[in-house]
Protein backbone atom coordinates (compact mmCIF):
# COMPACT_ATOMS: atom_id res chain seq x y z
CA MET A 1 -9.23 -21.24 -13.22
CA TYR A 2 -5.94 -20.76 -11.37
CA GLY A 3 -5.60 -18.09 -8.71
CA THR A 4 -8.33 -15.58 -9.53
CA ARG A 5 -8.93 -12.86 -6.95
CA PRO A 6 -11.70 -10.32 -6.39
CA LEU A 7 -10.87 -6.74 -7.27
CA SER A 8 -10.30 -5.53 -3.72
CA GLY A 9 -7.25 -4.53 -1.75
CA GLY A 10 -6.22 -3.62 1.74
CA GLY A 11 -3.46 -2.29 3.84
CA ARG A 12 -2.82 0.84 5.88
CA ARG A 13 -1.58 3.92 4.04
CA SER A 14 0.34 5.66 6.83
CA PHE A 15 3.66 7.42 6.65
CA CYS A 16 3.89 7.84 10.42
CA GLY A 17 4.90 4.19 10.78
CA ARG A 18 5.57 1.74 13.53
CA MET A 19 9.12 1.45 14.74
CA SER A 20 11.48 -1.50 14.41
CA HIS A 21 10.85 -2.72 17.95
CA ASP A 22 7.21 -3.35 16.94
CA TRP A 23 8.41 -6.01 14.51
CA CYS A 24 10.25 -9.30 14.57
CA LEU A 25 12.51 -9.78 11.54
CA THR A 26 13.24 -13.50 11.24
CA LYS A 27 14.82 -14.30 7.88
CA MET A 28 16.50 -12.40 5.07
CA LEU A 29 14.62 -13.17 1.86
CA GLY A 30 16.93 -11.32 -0.50
CA LYS A 31 19.58 -8.67 -0.84
CA GLY A 32 20.14 -6.20 -3.65
CA ALA A 33 21.92 -2.99 -4.48
CA ASN A 34 19.29 -0.92 -2.67
CA GLY A 35 18.89 -2.94 0.52
CA GLU A 36 17.57 -6.11 2.10
CA ALA A 37 14.15 -7.83 2.23
CA TRP A 38 13.20 -9.60 5.45
CA LEU A 39 10.36 -11.91 6.49
CA ALA A 40 8.67 -10.10 9.38
CA PHE A 41 5.93 -10.50 11.99
CA LYS A 42 4.19 -7.88 14.09
CA ARG A 43 4.79 -8.06 17.82
CA ASP A 44 1.81 -8.28 20.14
CA TYR A 45 1.32 -4.92 21.85
CA ILE A 46 1.02 -6.49 25.33
CA SER A 47 3.24 -9.58 25.29
CA GLN A 48 5.75 -8.31 22.70
CA GLU A 49 5.75 -11.82 21.25
CA PRO A 50 5.64 -12.12 17.43
CA ASP A 51 2.24 -12.84 15.93
CA PHE A 52 2.94 -15.63 13.44
CA SER A 53 -0.58 -15.60 12.00
CA ASP A 54 0.28 -12.83 9.49
CA LYS A 55 3.46 -12.65 7.43
CA TYR A 56 4.95 -9.45 6.02
CA VAL A 57 8.01 -8.37 4.09
CA ILE A 58 10.08 -5.48 5.40
CA LYS A 59 12.55 -3.83 3.06
CA LYS A 60 15.49 -2.20 4.83
CA VAL A 61 17.00 0.54 2.68
CA PRO A 62 20.08 2.37 4.02
CA MET A 63 19.70 6.14 3.75
CA GLY A 64 22.63 7.38 5.86
CA ASN A 65 24.32 10.54 4.70
CA GLN A 66 23.46 10.14 1.04
CA PRO A 67 22.71 13.20 -1.09
CA VAL A 68 19.15 14.49 -1.16
CA LEU A 69 18.66 13.25 -4.74
CA SER A 70 19.64 9.69 -3.79
CA LYS A 71 17.28 9.73 -0.80
CA SER A 72 14.48 11.10 -2.95
CA ASP A 73 15.05 8.33 -5.49
CA LYS A 74 14.68 5.67 -2.78
CA LEU A 75 11.52 7.27 -1.43
CA ARG A 76 9.90 7.26 -4.87
CA GLU A 77 8.83 3.61 -4.59
CA ILE A 78 6.94 4.37 -1.37
CA GLN A 79 5.26 7.38 -2.93
CA LEU A 80 4.09 5.21 -5.84
CA LEU A 81 2.98 2.30 -3.64
CA ALA A 82 0.97 4.67 -1.46
CA MET A 83 -0.90 5.86 -4.58
CA ILE A 84 -2.08 2.46 -5.76
CA ARG A 85 -4.37 -0.31 -4.62
CA HIS A 86 -4.89 -3.32 -6.85
CA PRO A 87 -5.35 -7.07 -6.26
CA TYR A 88 -2.43 -7.94 -8.52
CA ILE A 89 0.07 -5.45 -7.08
CA VAL A 90 1.94 -6.06 -3.83
CA THR A 91 0.15 -4.13 -1.08
CA TYR A 92 2.02 -1.38 0.73
CA ASP A 93 1.33 -1.35 4.47
CA ASP A 94 3.57 1.13 6.25
CA CYS A 95 6.97 2.83 6.35
CA TRP A 96 9.27 4.79 8.64
CA ILE A 97 12.85 6.04 8.84
CA GLU A 98 14.89 5.05 11.86
CA ASP A 99 18.63 5.44 12.55
CA GLY A 100 19.38 6.27 8.92
CA THR A 101 17.46 3.29 7.53
CA LEU A 102 14.20 3.35 5.59
CA PHE A 103 11.83 0.52 6.57
CA VAL A 104 9.05 -0.39 4.11
CA VAL A 105 6.36 -2.88 5.14
CA MET A 106 4.58 -4.85 2.40
CA GLU A 107 2.47 -7.96 2.13
CA PHE A 108 4.24 -11.31 1.91
CA ALA A 109 3.94 -13.33 -1.30
CA GLY A 110 5.06 -16.79 -0.29
CA GLY A 111 5.15 -18.71 -3.54
CA GLY A 112 8.36 -17.30 -4.99
CA THR A 113 8.46 -15.40 -8.27
CA MET A 114 7.62 -16.12 -11.89
CA GLU A 115 11.25 -17.10 -12.34
CA LYS A 116 10.31 -20.59 -11.20
CA TYR A 117 8.05 -20.89 -14.25
CA CYS A 118 10.89 -19.83 -16.56
CA ASP A 119 13.75 -21.97 -15.25
CA LYS A 120 15.09 -24.48 -17.76
CA GLY A 121 14.56 -28.07 -16.68
CA THR A 122 11.30 -27.36 -14.86
CA PRO A 123 8.07 -28.81 -16.27
CA VAL A 124 6.00 -26.77 -18.70
CA ILE A 125 3.21 -25.16 -16.70
CA PRO A 126 -0.41 -25.78 -17.77
CA LEU A 127 -1.59 -23.46 -20.52
CA GLN A 128 -4.43 -22.14 -18.37
CA LEU A 129 -2.03 -21.25 -15.56
CA LEU A 130 0.24 -19.48 -18.06
CA TYR A 131 -2.67 -17.42 -19.39
CA ASP A 132 -3.96 -16.63 -15.90
CA SER A 133 -0.55 -15.52 -14.62
CA PHE A 134 0.12 -13.37 -17.67
CA VAL A 135 -3.31 -11.74 -17.64
CA GLN A 136 -3.10 -10.90 -13.94
CA ALA A 137 0.33 -9.31 -14.44
CA MET A 138 -0.94 -7.38 -17.47
CA LEU A 139 -3.94 -6.12 -15.50
CA ALA A 140 -1.51 -4.75 -12.90
CA VAL A 141 0.60 -2.98 -15.55
CA ALA A 142 -2.52 -1.60 -17.28
CA TYR A 143 -3.70 -0.23 -13.92
CA LEU A 144 -0.36 1.55 -13.44
CA HIS A 145 -0.45 3.00 -16.96
CA GLU A 146 -3.98 4.31 -16.46
CA ARG A 147 -2.62 6.21 -13.46
CA ARG A 148 0.29 7.50 -15.56
CA ILE A 149 2.81 5.29 -13.77
CA VAL A 150 5.39 3.20 -15.65
CA HIS A 151 7.21 0.31 -13.99
CA ARG A 152 10.42 0.29 -16.10
CA ASP A 153 11.76 -2.99 -14.65
CA LEU A 154 9.23 -5.64 -15.59
CA LYS A 155 10.63 -9.18 -15.50
CA PRO A 156 9.76 -12.57 -13.95
CA ALA A 157 11.77 -11.78 -10.80
CA ASN A 158 9.47 -8.82 -10.08
CA VAL A 159 6.22 -10.77 -10.40
CA PHE A 160 5.50 -12.64 -7.18
CA VAL A 161 3.49 -15.85 -6.99
CA LEU A 162 1.10 -16.49 -4.10
CA ASP A 163 0.21 -19.84 -2.60
CA ASP A 164 -3.01 -20.00 -4.65
CA ASN A 165 -0.98 -19.43 -7.87
CA SER A 166 -2.28 -15.89 -8.37
CA VAL A 167 0.41 -13.28 -8.96
CA LYS A 168 1.34 -9.85 -7.63
CA LEU A 169 3.46 -7.25 -9.41
CA GLY A 170 6.14 -5.76 -7.17
CA ASP A 171 9.38 -3.78 -6.97
CA LEU A 172 8.48 -0.29 -8.12
CA GLY A 173 11.95 0.98 -7.32
CA GLU A 174 12.39 2.16 -10.92
CA GLY A 175 8.81 3.34 -11.26
CA TRP A 176 8.08 6.72 -12.79
CA ILE A 177 5.11 9.11 -13.02
CA THR A 178 4.65 10.29 -16.61
CA HIS A 179 2.03 12.96 -15.87
CA GLY A 180 0.43 12.22 -19.24
CA ASP A 181 2.69 14.61 -21.10
CA GLN A 182 2.68 14.81 -24.86
CA LYS A 183 4.93 12.79 -27.13
CA GLY A 184 8.58 13.71 -26.74
CA SER A 185 8.36 14.95 -23.17
CA ALA A 186 9.20 11.58 -21.64
CA GLN A 187 12.56 11.56 -23.40
CA GLU A 188 13.18 15.19 -22.40
CA ARG A 189 12.32 14.60 -18.73
CA TRP A 190 14.42 11.44 -18.59
CA ALA A 191 17.42 13.19 -20.13
CA ASN A 192 17.17 16.20 -17.81
CA ASP A 193 16.57 14.33 -14.56
CA PRO A 194 19.84 14.32 -12.54
CA ALA A 195 19.00 10.90 -11.05
CA GLN A 196 18.56 9.29 -14.48
CA LYS A 197 20.81 11.27 -16.80
CA GLY A 198 23.01 9.06 -18.95
CA GLN A 199 21.57 5.83 -17.53
CA LEU A 200 19.69 2.92 -19.02
CA VAL A 201 16.92 2.15 -16.54
CA GLY A 202 15.82 -1.47 -16.21
CA THR A 203 17.23 -4.96 -16.76
CA PRO A 204 19.05 -5.34 -20.12
CA TYR A 205 17.25 -8.51 -21.33
CA TYR A 206 13.91 -6.70 -21.05
CA LEU A 207 14.81 -3.32 -22.55
CA ALA A 208 12.91 -2.26 -25.66
CA PRO A 209 14.84 -1.23 -28.79
CA GLU A 210 13.94 2.43 -28.34
CA CYS A 211 15.43 2.37 -24.84
CA TRP A 212 18.74 1.04 -26.20
CA MET A 213 18.73 3.72 -28.89
CA GLY A 214 17.76 6.53 -26.52
CA THR A 215 14.71 7.45 -28.59
CA SER A 216 11.94 6.40 -26.18
CA THR A 217 9.01 8.83 -26.17
CA ASP A 218 6.37 6.44 -24.84
CA LEU A 219 7.50 4.64 -21.70
CA ASP A 220 4.23 2.68 -21.57
CA LYS A 221 5.21 0.91 -24.79
CA ALA A 222 8.61 0.01 -23.30
CA ASP A 223 6.72 -1.71 -20.45
CA VAL A 224 4.66 -3.62 -23.04
CA TRP A 225 7.88 -4.83 -24.70
CA ALA A 226 9.19 -6.06 -21.35
CA MET A 227 5.94 -7.95 -20.75
CA GLY A 228 6.31 -9.48 -24.21
CA VAL A 229 9.76 -10.76 -23.25
CA LEU A 230 8.26 -12.13 -20.03
CA LEU A 231 5.51 -13.93 -21.96
CA TYR A 232 8.04 -15.39 -24.41
CA GLU A 233 10.12 -16.58 -21.46
CA LEU A 234 7.08 -18.18 -19.80
CA CYS A 235 6.36 -20.08 -23.00
CA THR A 236 9.86 -21.14 -24.06
CA LYS A 237 11.95 -21.01 -20.84
CA SER A 238 14.46 -18.88 -22.75
CA ARG A 239 14.83 -15.22 -23.61
CA PRO A 240 14.15 -13.98 -27.14
CA PHE A 241 17.31 -11.88 -27.32
CA VAL A 242 20.69 -12.70 -25.80
CA GLY A 243 24.26 -11.68 -26.52
CA ARG A 244 27.91 -12.28 -25.70
CA SER A 245 28.02 -8.77 -24.25
CA VAL A 246 25.63 -5.95 -23.42
CA GLN A 247 26.47 -4.33 -26.76
CA HIS A 248 25.72 -7.56 -28.64
CA LEU A 249 22.47 -7.97 -26.73
CA ALA A 250 21.45 -4.42 -27.67
CA VAL A 251 22.14 -5.04 -31.37
CA ASN A 252 20.12 -8.27 -31.32
CA ALA A 253 17.16 -6.64 -29.55
CA CYS A 254 17.16 -3.80 -32.08
CA LYS A 255 17.82 -5.80 -35.26
CA GLN A 256 17.13 -9.52 -34.81
CA ASP A 257 13.75 -11.09 -35.57
CA VAL A 258 12.01 -12.81 -32.69
CA PRO A 259 13.21 -16.44 -32.78
CA PHE A 260 10.33 -18.90 -32.54
CA PRO A 261 10.80 -22.67 -32.12
CA SER A 262 10.15 -24.62 -35.27
CA GLY A 263 9.64 -28.22 -36.22
CA GLU A 264 7.03 -30.79 -35.25
CA THR A 265 8.72 -31.77 -31.99
CA ALA A 266 9.13 -28.21 -30.76
CA GLY A 267 5.56 -27.11 -31.31
CA THR A 268 4.36 -23.53 -31.24
CA LEU A 269 6.20 -21.79 -28.41
CA LYS A 270 7.57 -25.13 -27.14
CA GLY A 271 4.65 -27.28 -26.24
CA TYR A 272 1.82 -24.74 -26.44
CA PRO A 273 -0.06 -25.46 -29.69
CA ASP A 274 -1.59 -22.02 -29.63
CA ASP A 275 -1.09 -19.81 -32.69
CA ALA A 276 -3.00 -16.98 -31.03
CA LEU A 277 -0.55 -16.91 -28.13
CA GLU A 278 2.39 -16.70 -30.54
CA GLU A 279 0.69 -13.81 -32.31
CA VAL A 280 0.35 -11.93 -29.01
CA VAL A 281 4.09 -12.35 -28.39
CA LYS A 282 4.88 -11.03 -31.89
CA LEU A 283 2.68 -7.98 -31.38
CA MET A 284 4.26 -7.12 -28.03
CA LEU A 285 7.78 -7.55 -29.42
CA GLU A 286 7.20 -5.25 -32.38
CA LYS A 287 10.40 -3.22 -32.87
CA LYS A 288 8.59 0.05 -33.61
CA PRO A 289 6.81 1.30 -30.48
CA GLU A 290 4.11 3.08 -32.48
CA ARG A 291 3.07 -0.31 -33.90
CA ARG A 292 3.24 -2.05 -30.52
CA PRO A 293 -0.12 -2.41 -28.72
CA THR A 294 -0.98 -0.81 -25.41
CA CYS A 295 -1.68 -2.96 -22.36
CA ARG A 296 -5.43 -2.61 -22.85
CA GLU A 297 -5.11 -3.58 -26.52
CA VAL A 298 -3.22 -6.72 -25.51
CA LEU A 299 -5.91 -7.53 -22.96
CA ALA A 300 -8.57 -7.07 -25.68
CA TYR A 301 -6.93 -9.65 -27.96
CA PRO A 302 -9.46 -12.55 -28.17
CA CYS A 303 -7.39 -15.34 -26.60
CA VAL A 304 -6.45 -13.02 -23.72
CA ALA A 305 -9.89 -11.44 -23.34
CA ASN A 306 -11.45 -14.86 -22.71
CA VAL A 307 -9.23 -15.28 -19.66
CA LEU A 308 -9.75 -11.68 -18.61
CA LEU A 309 -13.45 -12.29 -18.13
CA MET A 310 -12.64 -14.77 -15.35
CA CYS A 311 -10.13 -12.45 -13.63
CA CYS A 312 -12.55 -9.58 -13.03
């Protein structure tokens, strides 16, 4: 079994926060539209020397003189992280605002992201590792859904791999609390929210058909679609739907059948002779959300449930 972890979690849940002088930021790990991620170490209280025994990630998010709505949007990820504790979700540790910058401290996942499993030219990963990684990520998404939280940007780049090959779901910057409202309210809330109005939220390759068409009433099912794309990508090292433009991609995602490799040399899902795994992908990439399974229904599918027993 690759990378199983006990169902326990840690981390402080304080909003009072340390200050930047309590930390040593050594290396920028990444930079995006919303800020920078740095490898960080706590400083010893007495010597002020960095303690290299524990690694952390600090996200630096500029706040400045932005409108209140923009600031609120950036604080949403912290609010969500502070609500959750799960072995397969990146642990939130602390946060503070200093000199117009939001600092968010999280655990360090040092093995890269699931992208390394999906890159063309890299070896096919063992089937057991594929199942383990997928199940752990699905457990994290199911946990969020049970707490009425949707991720809305599920993709290999947002699933972090640890040194023991277990995985952690991260980047809840597009996360959303659904409040368990009835069918139809999700679309209404999304349309009326000033921070989201008129926007497609998420990464285009992983958007469900109903998101492209603006008819989404069950954001949980859109997350399931994105996880189906992720599973397809893990298996084939390619995406199920592509296009010459965003518009072409949208049409293909909404209209095109899921392309599966064929022929004796290709094998089921490129090297994984597992019909059950292909069936799971088909179920998760069902065009009609009402026919798409929930996370828990995916986890109950026999080939997945067998792995699940070893993850809990």
